[in-house]
Amino acid sequence: MIKHTEEFKLEAVRIALTSGLPRDRGASDLGIGKSTLGKWVSQYRPTDLVSAPQADLARENERLRFENRVLRKEGEVLKKATQFFASQRL
């Protein structure tokens, strides 16, 4: 029985979760059994193997949503100010 390093296991799980390949194909490409890869995926999935980039995207999305809300509010204020000053001109 071959003892795989933690680094190999983590990389195998990352590949399995992000490659889009069927699990049996990914396992055979890595030279391990499908059940072994499945066990590693269930064991290491709770860690942030895939979620780190997704967490960055989620933070960026939230920042952009906030910026969008601020810009909409500023647009509303400018629209009201324009209407106010336009009515004062008459």
Protein backbone atom coordinates (compact mmCIF):
# COMPACT_ATOMS: atom_id res chain seq x y z
CA MET A 1 0.00 0.00 0.00
CA ILE A 2 1.35 3.41 -1.02
CA LYS A 3 1.30 6.13 1.60
CA HIS A 4 0.42 9.43 -0.07
CA THR A 5 1.51 12.74 1.39
CA GLU A 6 -1.02 15.25 2.70
CA GLU A 7 0.04 17.60 -0.09
CA PHE A 8 -0.77 14.95 -2.71
CA LYS A 9 -4.15 14.28 -1.11
CA LEU A 10 -5.03 17.97 -0.97
CA GLU A 11 -4.01 18.48 -4.59
CA ALA A 12 -5.99 15.40 -5.65
CA VAL A 13 -9.09 16.75 -3.90
CA ARG A 14 -8.60 20.18 -5.46
CA ILE A 15 -8.32 18.61 -8.90
CA ALA A 16 -11.36 16.40 -8.29
CA LEU A 17 -13.47 19.36 -7.21
CA THR A 18 -12.37 21.85 -9.85
CA SER A 19 -11.46 19.89 -12.99
CA GLY A 20 -14.96 18.97 -14.07
CA LEU A 21 -13.82 15.46 -14.88
CA PRO A 22 -15.80 12.44 -13.73
CA ARG A 23 -14.51 11.13 -10.41
CA ASP A 24 -13.35 7.78 -11.87
CA ARG A 25 -11.41 9.53 -14.66
CA GLY A 26 -9.73 11.89 -12.21
CA ALA A 27 -8.84 9.00 -9.93
CA SER A 28 -7.33 6.95 -12.76
CA ASP A 29 -5.36 9.99 -13.99
CA LEU A 30 -3.93 10.37 -10.50
CA GLY A 31 -3.19 6.66 -10.19
CA ILE A 32 -5.51 6.07 -7.25
CA GLY A 33 -8.79 4.27 -6.78
CA LYS A 34 -12.15 5.98 -7.16
CA SER A 35 -13.12 5.05 -3.60
CA THR A 36 -9.84 6.44 -2.28
CA LEU A 37 -10.44 9.74 -4.03
CA GLY A 38 -14.02 9.79 -2.76
CA LYS A 39 -12.79 9.23 0.79
CA TRP A 40 -10.25 12.04 0.47
CA VAL A 41 -12.86 14.40 -0.95
CA SER A 42 -15.21 13.75 1.96
CA GLN A 43 -12.33 14.05 4.41
CA TYR A 44 -10.79 17.27 3.06
CA ARG A 45 -13.81 19.08 1.60
CA PRO A 46 -14.58 21.01 4.82
CA THR A 47 -11.24 22.77 4.48
CA ASP A 48 -11.00 25.78 2.22
CA LEU A 49 -9.55 24.05 -0.82
CA VAL A 50 -12.07 25.45 -3.25
CA SER A 51 -13.75 28.04 -1.11
CA ALA A 52 -10.73 30.36 -0.80
CA PRO A 53 -11.10 31.72 -4.34
CA GLN A 54 -14.87 31.65 -3.92
CA ALA A 55 -14.56 33.59 -0.67
CA ASP A 56 -12.53 36.22 -2.51
CA LEU A 57 -15.24 36.42 -5.16
CA ALA A 58 -17.94 36.68 -2.52
CA ARG A 59 -16.10 39.54 -0.80
CA GLU A 60 -15.61 41.31 -4.12
CA ASN A 61 -19.28 40.83 -5.01
CA GLU A 62 -20.34 42.26 -1.66
CA ARG A 63 -18.02 45.24 -2.12
CA LEU A 64 -19.43 45.87 -5.59
CA ARG A 65 -23.01 45.56 -4.32
CA PHE A 66 -22.26 48.11 -1.61
CA GLU A 67 -20.65 50.45 -4.12
CA ASN A 68 -23.66 50.02 -6.41
CA ARG A 69 -26.05 50.94 -3.56
CA VAL A 70 -24.00 54.05 -2.76
CA LEU A 71 -23.92 55.13 -6.40
CA ARG A 72 -27.68 54.62 -6.75
CA LYS A 73 -28.31 56.75 -3.66
CA GLU A 74 -25.99 59.46 -5.01
CA GLY A 75 -27.84 59.33 -8.32
CA GLU A 76 -31.18 59.73 -6.53
CA VAL A 77 -29.86 62.73 -4.59
CA LEU A 78 -28.53 64.35 -7.76
CA LYS A 79 -31.82 63.73 -9.56
CA LYS A 80 -33.79 65.34 -6.71
CA ALA A 81 -31.36 68.26 -6.55
CA THR A 82 -31.68 68.80 -10.30
CA GLN A 83 -35.47 68.78 -10.03
CA PHE A 84 -35.34 71.19 -7.09
CA PHE A 85 -33.06 73.67 -8.80
CA ALA A 86 -34.99 73.39 -12.05
CA SER A 87 -38.23 74.30 -10.23
CA GLN A 88 -36.50 77.26 -8.52
CA ARG A 89 -35.42 78.66 -11.86
CA LEU A 90 -39.00 79.26 -13.02
